[in-house]
N, C-alpha and C. Protein backbone atom coordinates (compact mmCIF):
# COMPACT_ATOMS: atom_id res chain seq x y z
N ALA A 1 -17.37 -59.11 0.25
CA ALA A 1 -17.14 -59.75 1.35
C ALA A 1 -15.88 -61.33 0.38
N ALA A 2 -16.02 -60.55 -1.12
CA ALA A 2 -15.04 -60.84 -2.26
C ALA A 2 -13.16 -60.37 -1.11
N LEU A 3 -14.00 -59.12 -2.15
CA LEU A 3 -12.47 -58.10 -1.67
C LEU A 3 -12.16 -59.25 -0.01
N ALA A 4 -13.00 -58.99 0.56
CA ALA A 4 -11.95 -59.34 2.61
C ALA A 4 -11.29 -60.25 2.21
N TYR A 5 -11.77 -61.43 1.14
CA TYR A 5 -11.42 -62.97 0.78
C TYR A 5 -9.41 -62.27 0.45
N SER A 6 -9.50 -61.60 -0.19
CA SER A 6 -8.26 -61.73 -0.32
C SER A 6 -7.27 -61.00 0.06
N GLU A 7 -7.65 -60.36 0.62
CA GLU A 7 -7.54 -59.41 1.67
C GLU A 7 -6.40 -60.50 2.71
N SER A 8 -7.67 -61.48 3.45
CA SER A 8 -7.25 -62.11 4.31
C SER A 8 -5.81 -63.38 3.76
N GLY A 9 -5.40 -63.54 2.36
CA GLY A 9 -4.70 -64.35 1.48
C GLY A 9 -4.93 -65.57 1.56
N ASP A 10 -5.72 -66.16 2.36
CA ASP A 10 -6.13 -67.70 2.49
C ASP A 10 -6.36 -68.57 1.16
N LEU A 11 -5.75 -68.86 0.61
CA LEU A 11 -5.01 -69.54 -0.80
C LEU A 11 -6.66 -70.75 -1.05
N ARG A 12 -6.78 -70.91 0.02
CA ARG A 12 -8.31 -71.87 -0.05
C ARG A 12 -8.74 -71.66 -0.69
N LEU A 13 -9.38 -69.81 -0.61
CA LEU A 13 -10.69 -69.34 -0.91
C LEU A 13 -10.75 -69.41 -2.16
N LEU A 14 -9.82 -69.50 -3.47
CA LEU A 14 -9.63 -69.13 -4.50
C LEU A 14 -10.38 -70.29 -4.82
N ASP A 15 -10.90 -71.41 -5.15
CA ASP A 15 -11.12 -72.03 -5.51
C ASP A 15 -12.86 -71.12 -5.79
N ALA A 16 -13.49 -70.91 -5.00
CA ALA A 16 -14.30 -70.60 -4.21
C ALA A 16 -15.21 -68.85 -4.86
N LEU A 17 -13.80 -68.69 -5.14
CA LEU A 17 -13.82 -67.20 -6.24
C LEU A 17 -13.66 -67.43 -7.54
N ARG A 18 -12.86 -68.48 -7.90
CA ARG A 18 -12.97 -68.78 -9.25
C ARG A 18 -14.42 -68.80 -10.00
N SER A 19 -15.26 -69.54 -8.33
CA SER A 19 -15.53 -70.08 -8.66
C SER A 19 -16.88 -68.46 -9.88
N ALA A 20 -16.89 -68.04 -8.10
CA ALA A 20 -17.75 -66.80 -8.27
C ALA A 20 -17.77 -66.36 -8.86
N ALA A 21 -16.58 -65.65 -10.15
CA ALA A 21 -16.14 -65.04 -11.20
C ALA A 21 -16.58 -65.70 -11.94
N LYS A 22 -16.70 -66.85 -12.28
CA LYS A 22 -16.90 -67.56 -13.31
C LYS A 22 -18.45 -67.61 -13.32
N GLY A 23 -19.63 -67.81 -12.66
CA GLY A 23 -20.63 -68.69 -12.15
C GLY A 23 -21.59 -67.55 -12.21
N GLY A 24 -23.04 -68.14 -12.81
CA GLY A 24 -24.18 -67.68 -13.07
C GLY A 24 -25.51 -66.08 -11.35
N GLY A 25 -24.12 -66.16 -10.81
CA GLY A 25 -24.42 -65.30 -10.32
C GLY A 25 -25.03 -64.02 -10.34
N ASP A 26 -24.80 -62.93 -9.59
CA ASP A 26 -24.76 -61.35 -8.87
C ASP A 26 -23.81 -60.38 -10.02
N ILE A 27 -24.81 -60.50 -10.57
CA ILE A 27 -23.07 -59.03 -11.51
C ILE A 27 -22.51 -58.90 -10.03
N PRO A 28 -23.03 -57.90 -8.98
CA PRO A 28 -21.80 -56.95 -8.20
C PRO A 28 -20.19 -58.28 -8.11
N THR A 29 -21.37 -59.65 -8.15
CA THR A 29 -20.04 -60.59 -6.64
C THR A 29 -19.28 -61.42 -7.73
N ARG A 30 -19.82 -61.13 -8.98
CA ARG A 30 -18.87 -61.85 -9.81
C ARG A 30 -17.44 -60.50 -9.92
N ALA A 31 -17.84 -59.09 -10.18
CA ALA A 31 -17.09 -58.24 -10.85
C ALA A 31 -16.24 -58.88 -9.40
N ALA A 32 -16.72 -58.26 -8.33
CA ALA A 32 -15.37 -58.57 -7.05
C ALA A 32 -14.25 -60.07 -7.17
N ALA A 33 -15.61 -60.45 -7.72
CA ALA A 33 -14.54 -62.23 -7.48
C ALA A 33 -13.23 -62.17 -8.32
N VAL A 34 -13.71 -61.28 -8.99
CA VAL A 34 -12.31 -61.11 -10.26
C VAL A 34 -11.53 -60.38 -10.06
N VAL A 35 -11.84 -59.35 -9.00
CA VAL A 35 -10.37 -58.61 -8.37
C VAL A 35 -9.98 -59.11 -7.59
N ALA A 36 -10.24 -59.95 -6.62
CA ALA A 36 -10.41 -59.77 -5.62
C ALA A 36 -9.45 -61.15 -5.90
N LEU A 37 -9.85 -61.89 -7.22
CA LEU A 37 -8.44 -62.59 -7.89
C LEU A 37 -7.31 -62.46 -7.88
N GLY A 38 -7.43 -60.77 -8.43
CA GLY A 38 -6.48 -60.31 -9.10
C GLY A 38 -5.80 -59.39 -7.65
N HIS A 39 -6.57 -59.33 -7.17
CA HIS A 39 -5.13 -58.88 -5.48
C HIS A 39 -4.46 -59.98 -5.43
N MET A 40 -4.79 -61.34 -5.80
CA MET A 40 -4.71 -62.45 -5.28
C MET A 40 -3.45 -62.39 -5.85
N GLY A 41 -3.16 -62.50 -6.58
CA GLY A 41 -2.51 -62.71 -7.61
C GLY A 41 -2.51 -64.52 -8.34
N ASP A 42 -4.32 -64.72 -8.59
CA ASP A 42 -4.65 -65.86 -9.44
C ASP A 42 -3.97 -66.20 -10.45
N GLN A 43 -2.82 -65.76 -11.45
CA GLN A 43 -2.86 -65.99 -12.46
C GLN A 43 -3.94 -66.64 -14.05
N ARG A 44 -4.86 -67.72 -12.93
CA ARG A 44 -5.53 -68.49 -13.30
C ARG A 44 -7.13 -67.85 -13.68
N ALA A 45 -6.91 -66.84 -13.63
CA ALA A 45 -8.14 -65.67 -13.73
C ALA A 45 -8.14 -64.89 -15.33
N LEU A 46 -6.84 -64.77 -15.79
CA LEU A 46 -6.46 -63.97 -16.39
C LEU A 46 -7.50 -64.92 -17.34
N GLU A 47 -8.30 -65.56 -17.72
CA GLU A 47 -9.12 -66.42 -18.92
C GLU A 47 -10.18 -66.29 -18.11
N VAL A 48 -10.92 -66.18 -17.67
CA VAL A 48 -12.03 -65.59 -16.57
C VAL A 48 -12.14 -63.46 -17.26
N ALA A 49 -11.66 -63.48 -16.84
CA ALA A 49 -11.36 -61.99 -16.96
C ALA A 49 -11.40 -61.38 -18.67
N LYS A 50 -10.13 -62.40 -19.16
CA LYS A 50 -10.24 -61.69 -20.61
C LYS A 50 -12.13 -61.95 -21.13
N GLY A 51 -12.70 -63.67 -20.64
CA GLY A 51 -14.06 -63.80 -21.39
C GLY A 51 -15.35 -62.65 -20.50
N MET A 52 -15.01 -62.29 -19.53
CA MET A 52 -15.91 -61.15 -18.71
C MET A 52 -16.16 -59.43 -19.30
N PHE A 53 -14.66 -58.84 -20.29
CA PHE A 53 -14.33 -57.81 -20.38
C PHE A 53 -14.97 -57.73 -22.15
N GLY A 54 -15.84 -59.01 -22.66
CA GLY A 54 -16.99 -59.07 -23.37
C GLY A 54 -17.95 -58.97 -22.93
N ASP A 55 -18.64 -58.58 -21.72
CA ASP A 55 -19.60 -58.96 -21.10
C ASP A 55 -20.48 -57.08 -21.55
N SER A 56 -21.26 -57.66 -21.66
CA SER A 56 -22.42 -56.51 -21.26
C SER A 56 -22.54 -54.94 -21.24
N ASP A 57 -22.23 -55.71 -19.40
CA ASP A 57 -22.62 -54.94 -18.38
C ASP A 57 -21.11 -53.83 -18.05
N ALA A 58 -21.09 -53.21 -17.91
CA ALA A 58 -20.07 -52.33 -17.93
C ALA A 58 -19.11 -52.22 -16.42
N ARG A 59 -20.67 -52.91 -15.59
CA ARG A 59 -19.57 -52.60 -14.23
C ARG A 59 -18.47 -54.76 -14.30
N LEU A 60 -18.93 -55.02 -14.86
CA LEU A 60 -18.02 -56.76 -14.94
C LEU A 60 -16.79 -55.99 -15.94
N ARG A 61 -16.90 -55.39 -17.19
CA ARG A 61 -15.50 -54.79 -18.00
C ARG A 61 -14.96 -54.33 -17.33
N VAL A 62 -14.83 -53.24 -16.15
CA VAL A 62 -14.18 -52.94 -15.80
C VAL A 62 -13.90 -53.76 -14.53
N ALA A 63 -14.44 -54.40 -14.60
CA ALA A 63 -13.91 -55.00 -13.50
C ALA A 63 -12.86 -56.15 -13.73
N ALA A 64 -12.90 -56.60 -14.49
CA ALA A 64 -12.27 -57.09 -15.07
C ALA A 64 -11.01 -56.54 -16.22
N GLY A 65 -10.83 -55.54 -16.43
CA GLY A 65 -10.09 -54.98 -16.45
C GLY A 65 -8.78 -54.52 -15.56
N GLU A 66 -9.40 -54.54 -14.48
CA GLU A 66 -9.09 -54.23 -13.30
C GLU A 66 -8.03 -55.28 -13.32
N ALA A 67 -8.13 -56.33 -12.95
CA ALA A 67 -8.11 -57.82 -12.27
C ALA A 67 -6.70 -58.16 -13.99
N MET A 68 -6.89 -57.77 -14.59
CA MET A 68 -5.62 -57.79 -15.84
C MET A 68 -4.55 -56.93 -15.36
N VAL A 69 -5.59 -55.47 -14.69
CA VAL A 69 -4.45 -54.56 -14.66
C VAL A 69 -3.36 -55.27 -12.79
N LEU A 70 -3.94 -55.28 -12.06
CA LEU A 70 -3.66 -56.31 -11.56
C LEU A 70 -2.13 -57.52 -11.53
N LEU A 71 -2.73 -58.26 -12.28
CA LEU A 71 -2.05 -59.51 -12.91
C LEU A 71 -1.52 -59.20 -13.91
N ASP A 72 -1.01 -57.93 -13.79
CA ASP A 72 0.28 -57.70 -15.27
C ASP A 72 -0.57 -58.25 -16.48
N ALA A 73 -1.10 -58.68 -17.35
CA ALA A 73 -2.00 -59.34 -17.95
C ALA A 73 -0.89 -58.14 -19.37
N PRO A 74 -0.23 -59.58 -20.40
CA PRO A 74 -0.24 -58.28 -21.74
C PRO A 74 -1.34 -57.24 -22.42
N GLU A 75 -2.86 -58.28 -21.76
CA GLU A 75 -3.66 -57.44 -23.00
C GLU A 75 -4.13 -56.27 -21.81
N ARG A 76 -3.36 -55.98 -20.47
CA ARG A 76 -4.22 -54.53 -20.04
C ARG A 76 -4.25 -53.25 -20.41
N PHE A 77 -2.78 -53.29 -20.90
CA PHE A 77 -3.21 -52.32 -22.02
C PHE A 77 -4.40 -52.12 -22.54
N ARG A 78 -4.33 -52.47 -23.99
CA ARG A 78 -5.15 -52.94 -24.98
C ARG A 78 -6.65 -52.73 -24.11
N ALA A 79 -7.04 -52.91 -22.92
CA ALA A 79 -8.43 -53.06 -22.01
C ALA A 79 -8.67 -51.35 -21.72
N VAL A 80 -7.55 -51.08 -20.94
CA VAL A 80 -7.64 -49.25 -20.14
C VAL A 80 -7.94 -48.78 -21.90
N GLU A 81 -7.02 -48.42 -22.57
CA GLU A 81 -8.24 -47.92 -23.54
C GLU A 81 -8.81 -47.85 -24.23
N VAL A 82 -9.37 -49.24 -23.96
CA VAL A 82 -10.73 -50.02 -24.71
C VAL A 82 -11.71 -49.34 -23.55
N LEU A 83 -11.70 -48.96 -22.12
CA LEU A 83 -12.68 -48.44 -21.38
C LEU A 83 -12.46 -47.20 -21.41
N LEU A 84 -11.59 -46.38 -21.66
CA LEU A 84 -11.20 -44.57 -22.01
C LEU A 84 -12.38 -44.58 -22.96
N ALA A 85 -12.30 -45.49 -24.03
CA ALA A 85 -13.07 -45.23 -25.51
C ALA A 85 -14.80 -45.25 -25.35
N ASP A 86 -14.95 -45.58 -24.24
CA ASP A 86 -16.03 -45.84 -23.67
C ASP A 86 -16.82 -45.29 -22.31
N PRO A 87 -17.55 -44.26 -23.08
CA PRO A 87 -18.16 -43.35 -21.68
C PRO A 87 -18.71 -43.72 -20.90
N THR A 88 -18.79 -45.32 -21.13
CA THR A 88 -20.23 -45.18 -19.60
C THR A 88 -18.78 -46.53 -19.20
N THR A 89 -17.70 -46.21 -19.76
CA THR A 89 -16.60 -46.57 -18.25
C THR A 89 -15.25 -46.04 -18.71
N ALA A 90 -15.52 -44.72 -18.79
CA ALA A 90 -14.11 -44.13 -19.15
C ALA A 90 -13.85 -43.61 -17.87
N VAL A 91 -14.79 -42.75 -17.28
CA VAL A 91 -14.39 -42.59 -15.30
C VAL A 91 -13.31 -43.69 -14.95
N SER A 92 -13.33 -45.10 -15.34
CA SER A 92 -13.04 -46.39 -14.64
C SER A 92 -11.97 -46.29 -15.60
N GLY A 93 -11.82 -45.93 -16.38
CA GLY A 93 -10.41 -46.73 -17.19
C GLY A 93 -9.28 -45.41 -16.89
N VAL A 94 -10.36 -44.09 -16.65
CA VAL A 94 -8.69 -42.77 -16.35
C VAL A 94 -8.19 -42.94 -15.33
N GLN A 95 -8.65 -43.89 -14.43
CA GLN A 95 -8.27 -44.18 -12.38
C GLN A 95 -7.66 -45.31 -13.15
N LEU A 96 -7.49 -46.45 -13.87
CA LEU A 96 -6.65 -47.62 -14.11
C LEU A 96 -5.38 -46.85 -14.93
N ALA A 97 -5.52 -46.36 -15.64
CA ALA A 97 -4.94 -45.28 -16.29
C ALA A 97 -3.85 -44.79 -16.05
N GLY A 98 -4.17 -44.83 -14.22
CA GLY A 98 -3.50 -44.21 -13.39
C GLY A 98 -1.99 -45.52 -13.10
N ARG A 99 -2.72 -45.55 -12.59
CA ARG A 99 -1.95 -47.29 -12.62
C ARG A 99 -0.83 -48.41 -13.70
N VAL A 100 -1.02 -48.20 -14.79
CA VAL A 100 -0.36 -48.96 -16.35
C VAL A 100 -0.80 -47.80 -17.70
N GLN A 101 -0.06 -48.18 -17.79
CA GLN A 101 -0.30 -46.69 -19.56
C GLN A 101 1.45 -46.99 -20.53
N ASP A 102 0.66 -46.72 -21.24
CA ASP A 102 1.91 -46.94 -22.75
C ASP A 102 1.40 -45.32 -23.59
N ALA A 103 2.23 -45.74 -24.80
CA ALA A 103 1.56 -45.06 -25.68
C ALA A 103 0.18 -45.15 -25.96
N GLY A 104 -1.02 -45.88 -26.19
CA GLY A 104 -2.85 -46.77 -25.70
C GLY A 104 -2.56 -45.18 -25.52
N ILE A 105 -2.28 -45.63 -24.54
CA ILE A 105 -3.11 -45.37 -22.90
C ILE A 105 -2.93 -43.62 -22.73
N VAL A 106 -1.60 -43.30 -23.48
CA VAL A 106 -1.61 -41.70 -23.35
C VAL A 106 -2.39 -40.82 -24.44
N LYS A 107 -2.65 -41.45 -25.00
CA LYS A 107 -3.87 -40.67 -26.07
C LYS A 107 -5.32 -40.98 -25.92
N ALA A 108 -5.88 -42.17 -25.28
CA ALA A 108 -6.55 -42.78 -25.46
C ALA A 108 -6.93 -40.86 -24.18
N LEU A 109 -6.06 -41.34 -23.21
CA LEU A 109 -6.31 -40.42 -22.40
C LEU A 109 -6.40 -38.34 -22.11
N VAL A 110 -4.89 -38.15 -23.35
CA VAL A 110 -5.94 -37.51 -23.84
C VAL A 110 -6.91 -37.28 -24.86
N ALA A 111 -7.74 -37.61 -26.19
CA ALA A 111 -8.86 -38.29 -26.78
C ALA A 111 -9.64 -37.68 -25.39
N ARG A 112 -9.73 -38.63 -24.46
CA ARG A 112 -11.43 -38.94 -22.78
C ARG A 112 -10.74 -37.46 -22.64
N MET A 113 -10.65 -37.11 -22.31
CA MET A 113 -10.00 -35.88 -21.57
C MET A 113 -10.48 -34.48 -22.80
N ALA A 114 -10.06 -34.08 -24.05
CA ALA A 114 -10.90 -33.42 -24.67
C ALA A 114 -12.68 -33.94 -25.22
N ALA A 115 -12.98 -34.49 -24.73
CA ALA A 115 -14.32 -35.37 -24.78
C ALA A 115 -15.47 -34.59 -23.75
N LEU A 116 -14.37 -34.76 -22.08
CA LEU A 116 -15.21 -34.28 -21.16
C LEU A 116 -15.32 -32.78 -20.59
N GLY A 117 -16.92 -32.95 -20.18
CA GLY A 117 -17.15 -31.54 -19.68
C GLY A 117 -16.82 -31.28 -18.86
N ASP A 118 -17.33 -32.71 -17.70
CA ASP A 118 -16.84 -32.84 -16.32
C ASP A 118 -15.09 -32.66 -16.15
N PRO A 119 -14.88 -31.34 -15.21
CA PRO A 119 -13.38 -30.76 -15.05
C PRO A 119 -13.00 -31.64 -13.62
N ALA A 120 -13.53 -32.01 -12.77
CA ALA A 120 -13.25 -32.97 -12.08
C ALA A 120 -12.62 -34.20 -12.73
N VAL A 121 -12.67 -34.92 -13.32
CA VAL A 121 -12.72 -36.04 -14.02
C VAL A 121 -11.02 -35.92 -15.21
N ARG A 122 -11.04 -34.52 -16.21
CA ARG A 122 -10.27 -34.15 -16.92
C ARG A 122 -9.74 -33.83 -16.39
N GLU A 123 -9.30 -32.80 -14.28
CA GLU A 123 -8.62 -33.04 -13.85
C GLU A 123 -7.39 -34.39 -13.05
N ALA A 124 -8.49 -35.65 -13.12
CA ALA A 124 -7.99 -36.35 -12.81
C ALA A 124 -7.27 -37.42 -13.85
N VAL A 125 -7.77 -37.45 -15.64
CA VAL A 125 -6.75 -37.54 -16.14
C VAL A 125 -5.60 -36.75 -16.49
N VAL A 126 -5.47 -36.01 -15.94
CA VAL A 126 -4.22 -34.76 -15.76
C VAL A 126 -3.36 -35.66 -14.74
N VAL A 127 -3.92 -36.15 -13.50
CA VAL A 127 -3.31 -37.04 -12.49
C VAL A 127 -2.36 -37.83 -12.58
N ALA A 128 -3.10 -38.74 -13.69
CA ALA A 128 -3.44 -40.16 -14.10
C ALA A 128 -1.79 -40.25 -15.43
N LEU A 129 -1.70 -38.59 -15.88
CA LEU A 129 -0.73 -38.75 -17.65
C LEU A 129 0.46 -38.23 -16.18
N GLY A 130 0.21 -37.54 -14.83
CA GLY A 130 1.07 -37.32 -14.03
C GLY A 130 2.08 -39.22 -13.73
N ARG A 131 1.18 -39.50 -13.49
CA ARG A 131 1.67 -41.37 -12.46
C ARG A 131 2.92 -42.12 -13.53
N GLY A 132 2.43 -41.42 -15.38
CA GLY A 132 2.85 -42.06 -16.11
C GLY A 132 4.71 -41.91 -16.07
N THR A 133 5.50 -42.95 -16.93
CA THR A 133 7.16 -42.96 -17.22
C THR A 133 7.33 -42.79 -18.60
N THR A 134 6.18 -42.57 -19.42
CA THR A 134 6.33 -42.79 -21.22
C THR A 134 6.75 -41.32 -20.91
N ASP A 135 8.00 -41.08 -22.53
CA ASP A 135 7.25 -39.38 -22.73
C ASP A 135 6.45 -38.99 -23.85
N ASP A 136 5.72 -40.40 -23.58
CA ASP A 136 4.43 -39.23 -23.99
C ASP A 136 3.76 -38.73 -23.34
N ALA A 137 3.35 -39.52 -22.25
CA ALA A 137 2.33 -38.43 -20.63
C ALA A 137 3.15 -37.38 -20.49
N LEU A 138 4.41 -37.03 -19.95
CA LEU A 138 5.53 -36.05 -20.25
C LEU A 138 5.24 -35.14 -21.14
N LYS A 139 4.82 -35.54 -22.92
CA LYS A 139 4.59 -34.95 -23.52
C LYS A 139 3.71 -33.86 -23.23
N ALA A 140 2.48 -34.70 -22.92
CA ALA A 140 0.95 -34.62 -23.24
C ALA A 140 0.71 -33.38 -21.76
N LEU A 141 1.51 -33.32 -20.54
CA LEU A 141 0.86 -32.68 -19.69
C LEU A 141 2.09 -31.76 -19.90
N MET A 142 3.06 -31.22 -21.03
CA MET A 142 3.97 -30.12 -21.46
C MET A 142 2.82 -29.49 -22.42
N ALA A 143 2.02 -29.30 -23.55
CA ALA A 143 1.25 -29.14 -23.85
C ALA A 143 0.24 -28.22 -23.66
N LEU A 144 0.05 -29.07 -21.96
CA LEU A 144 -1.03 -28.33 -21.47
C LEU A 144 -1.31 -27.38 -20.02
N LEU A 145 0.36 -27.22 -20.58
CA LEU A 145 1.23 -25.81 -19.40
C LEU A 145 -0.34 -24.79 -19.17
N PRO A 146 -0.08 -24.17 -21.07
CA PRO A 146 -0.60 -23.04 -21.17
C PRO A 146 -1.97 -23.06 -20.89
N ASP A 147 -2.57 -23.64 -20.30
CA ASP A 147 -4.37 -24.05 -20.16
C ASP A 147 -4.17 -23.04 -18.97
N ALA A 148 -5.41 -22.34 -19.51
CA ALA A 148 -5.53 -22.01 -17.77
C ALA A 148 -6.58 -22.59 -17.04
N ARG A 149 -7.35 -23.60 -17.02
CA ARG A 149 -7.86 -24.47 -16.37
C ARG A 149 -6.88 -25.37 -16.19
N LEU A 150 -6.48 -26.38 -16.63
CA LEU A 150 -5.90 -27.16 -16.76
C LEU A 150 -4.09 -27.51 -16.39
N GLY A 151 -3.49 -25.89 -17.16
CA GLY A 151 -2.26 -25.46 -16.71
C GLY A 151 -1.65 -26.25 -15.17
N PRO A 152 -2.29 -25.36 -13.53
CA PRO A 152 -1.86 -25.47 -12.83
C PRO A 152 -1.94 -27.37 -12.60
N ALA A 153 -2.51 -27.67 -12.94
CA ALA A 153 -2.65 -29.32 -12.18
C ALA A 153 -1.21 -29.84 -13.32
N ALA A 154 -1.20 -30.00 -14.25
CA ALA A 154 -0.88 -29.98 -14.69
C ALA A 154 0.92 -29.97 -14.17
N VAL A 155 1.29 -28.72 -13.92
CA VAL A 155 2.76 -28.07 -13.17
C VAL A 155 2.58 -29.14 -12.42
N SER A 156 1.47 -29.34 -11.09
CA SER A 156 1.67 -30.55 -10.50
C SER A 156 1.92 -31.66 -11.09
N ALA A 157 1.58 -32.32 -11.59
CA ALA A 157 0.99 -33.44 -12.34
C ALA A 157 2.31 -33.78 -12.67
N ILE A 158 3.39 -32.36 -13.20
CA ILE A 158 5.34 -32.51 -13.84
C ILE A 158 5.97 -33.25 -12.65
N ALA A 159 5.80 -32.11 -11.99
CA ALA A 159 6.68 -31.60 -10.19
C ALA A 159 6.31 -33.74 -9.22
N ARG A 160 5.42 -34.25 -9.34
CA ARG A 160 5.26 -35.34 -9.16
C ARG A 160 5.42 -37.08 -10.03
N SER A 161 5.67 -36.21 -11.46
CA SER A 161 6.17 -37.40 -12.52
C SER A 161 7.42 -38.02 -11.93
N PRO A 162 6.95 -39.41 -11.89
CA PRO A 162 8.31 -40.35 -11.87
C PRO A 162 9.28 -40.27 -13.23
N HIS A 163 8.44 -39.76 -14.55
CA HIS A 163 9.89 -39.37 -15.42
C HIS A 163 10.63 -38.36 -15.41
N PRO A 164 12.46 -39.67 -16.00
CA PRO A 164 14.06 -38.72 -15.43
C PRO A 164 13.53 -37.66 -15.72
N GLY A 165 12.94 -37.49 -16.72
CA GLY A 165 12.82 -35.86 -17.38
C GLY A 165 11.90 -34.45 -16.95
N ALA A 166 11.17 -34.70 -16.58
CA ALA A 166 11.33 -34.23 -15.53
C ALA A 166 11.17 -32.95 -14.82
N MET A 167 12.48 -33.57 -14.08
CA MET A 167 12.88 -31.99 -13.95
C MET A 167 13.20 -31.05 -14.60
N GLY A 168 13.93 -31.33 -15.99
CA GLY A 168 14.37 -30.60 -17.68
C GLY A 168 13.02 -30.39 -18.06
N VAL A 169 11.90 -29.82 -18.13
CA VAL A 169 11.09 -29.63 -17.99
C VAL A 169 10.41 -28.18 -17.39
N ILE A 170 11.16 -29.32 -15.83
CA ILE A 170 10.73 -27.97 -14.92
C ILE A 170 11.57 -26.57 -14.33
N GLU A 171 12.81 -27.26 -15.22
CA GLU A 171 13.54 -26.04 -15.75
C GLU A 171 13.67 -25.29 -16.54
N ARG A 172 12.58 -26.03 -17.77
CA ARG A 172 12.79 -24.66 -18.74
C ARG A 172 11.51 -24.22 -18.91
N MET A 173 10.74 -24.24 -17.88
CA MET A 173 9.62 -23.58 -18.09
C MET A 173 9.01 -21.68 -17.72
N THR A 174 8.94 -21.57 -18.51
CA THR A 174 8.99 -20.10 -19.89
C THR A 174 8.28 -19.30 -18.22
N ASP A 175 7.20 -19.66 -17.39
CA ASP A 175 6.67 -19.15 -16.01
C ASP A 175 7.30 -19.32 -14.91
N LYS A 176 8.47 -18.46 -14.32
CA LYS A 176 9.13 -18.22 -13.50
C LYS A 176 7.99 -19.16 -12.64
N ARG A 177 7.49 -18.22 -12.10
CA ARG A 177 6.29 -18.64 -10.75
C ARG A 177 6.69 -19.79 -10.80
N LEU A 178 5.91 -20.62 -11.45
CA LEU A 178 5.20 -21.36 -11.82
C LEU A 178 6.72 -22.50 -11.82
N GLY A 179 7.36 -22.51 -12.30
CA GLY A 179 8.87 -23.69 -12.93
C GLY A 179 9.69 -23.67 -10.87
N VAL A 180 9.01 -22.64 -9.41
CA VAL A 180 10.44 -22.53 -8.77
C VAL A 180 9.00 -23.34 -7.75
N ARG A 181 7.15 -23.11 -8.54
CA ARG A 181 6.78 -23.96 -7.50
C ARG A 181 6.91 -25.37 -7.80
N ALA A 182 6.47 -25.68 -8.69
CA ALA A 182 6.76 -26.84 -9.58
C ALA A 182 7.77 -27.87 -8.50
N TYR A 183 9.10 -27.22 -8.78
CA TYR A 183 11.16 -27.57 -8.20
C TYR A 183 10.34 -28.58 -6.68
N VAL A 184 10.41 -26.70 -5.55
CA VAL A 184 9.76 -27.07 -4.71
C VAL A 184 9.25 -28.48 -4.38
N GLN A 185 8.69 -28.70 -5.12
CA GLN A 185 7.22 -30.20 -5.17
C GLN A 185 7.96 -31.31 -5.36
N ARG A 186 8.87 -30.79 -6.68
CA ARG A 186 9.77 -32.23 -6.60
C ARG A 186 10.57 -32.30 -5.54
N ARG A 187 11.52 -31.77 -5.02
CA ARG A 187 12.16 -31.30 -4.28
C ARG A 187 11.66 -31.86 -2.91
N THR A 188 10.69 -31.08 -2.25
CA THR A 188 10.03 -31.85 -1.21
C THR A 188 9.36 -32.92 -1.26
N LEU A 189 9.26 -33.70 -2.41
CA LEU A 189 8.16 -35.50 -2.63
C LEU A 189 9.43 -36.35 -3.35
N ARG A 190 10.30 -35.97 -3.78
CA ARG A 190 11.16 -37.46 -5.00
C ARG A 190 12.62 -36.78 -4.72
N GLY A 191 13.11 -35.45 -3.36
CA GLY A 191 14.13 -35.38 -3.66
C GLY A 191 15.59 -35.09 -4.54
N GLU A 192 15.06 -34.96 -5.38
CA GLU A 192 15.73 -34.88 -6.35
C GLU A 192 15.72 -32.83 -6.87
N THR A 193 17.32 -32.76 -6.80
CA THR A 193 17.93 -31.37 -6.59
C THR A 193 17.66 -30.78 -8.65
N SER A 194 17.83 -29.28 -8.38
CA SER A 194 18.34 -28.51 -9.68
C SER A 194 19.80 -27.76 -9.71
N SER A 195 20.78 -27.64 -9.86
CA SER A 195 22.03 -26.63 -10.08
C SER A 195 21.19 -25.86 -10.64
N VAL A 196 19.84 -25.69 -11.75
CA VAL A 196 19.96 -24.12 -12.65
C VAL A 196 18.74 -23.97 -12.04
N MET A 197 17.49 -24.16 -10.87
CA MET A 197 17.09 -23.49 -10.00
C MET A 197 17.79 -22.84 -9.03
N ILE A 198 16.78 -22.07 -8.03
CA ILE A 198 17.34 -21.74 -6.94
C ILE A 198 16.38 -22.46 -5.94
N ASP A 199 18.39 -22.56 -5.38
CA ASP A 199 17.42 -24.06 -4.40
C ASP A 199 17.50 -22.67 -3.25
């Protein structure tokens, strides 16, 4: 219900959502309320989110981290790092890392990928890295290219990457077959062409 309120855009609901987020209600309601406030861009919810992030319940920490990301809070980078470092919130941290990244988050993603045994989650880490704009994210993807299991996902992530240097990586791929595949994907998805690649 809280998320539906945020989608309605009715600003009269802000006070009710703030009360629900801060109050002693059940955990799902508090979590949904703070995320809804984040969707509505209510900067006053930041203090609520920062306090909630220290809660012992993982659901509240995840919701608080998401609210910080939605509000572009300066603390959002550190919050995602913390979520990635905790096994109980790591999967949610990976999802948020697809929306906000810096060097610390990239390092935490790589560390979490090494610790995870679930192939689906490891591939989700690769996808998150592919959404990053930092040099560190692109370098992490390049390091995965020789990996038999994650290499193909890394190729696709580089092809989709918003990083301006991604085409250069594609041009230098030693496996020309993968390079051509990545180039076709990038040209299709981003409209970027290269005189080095076969058109």
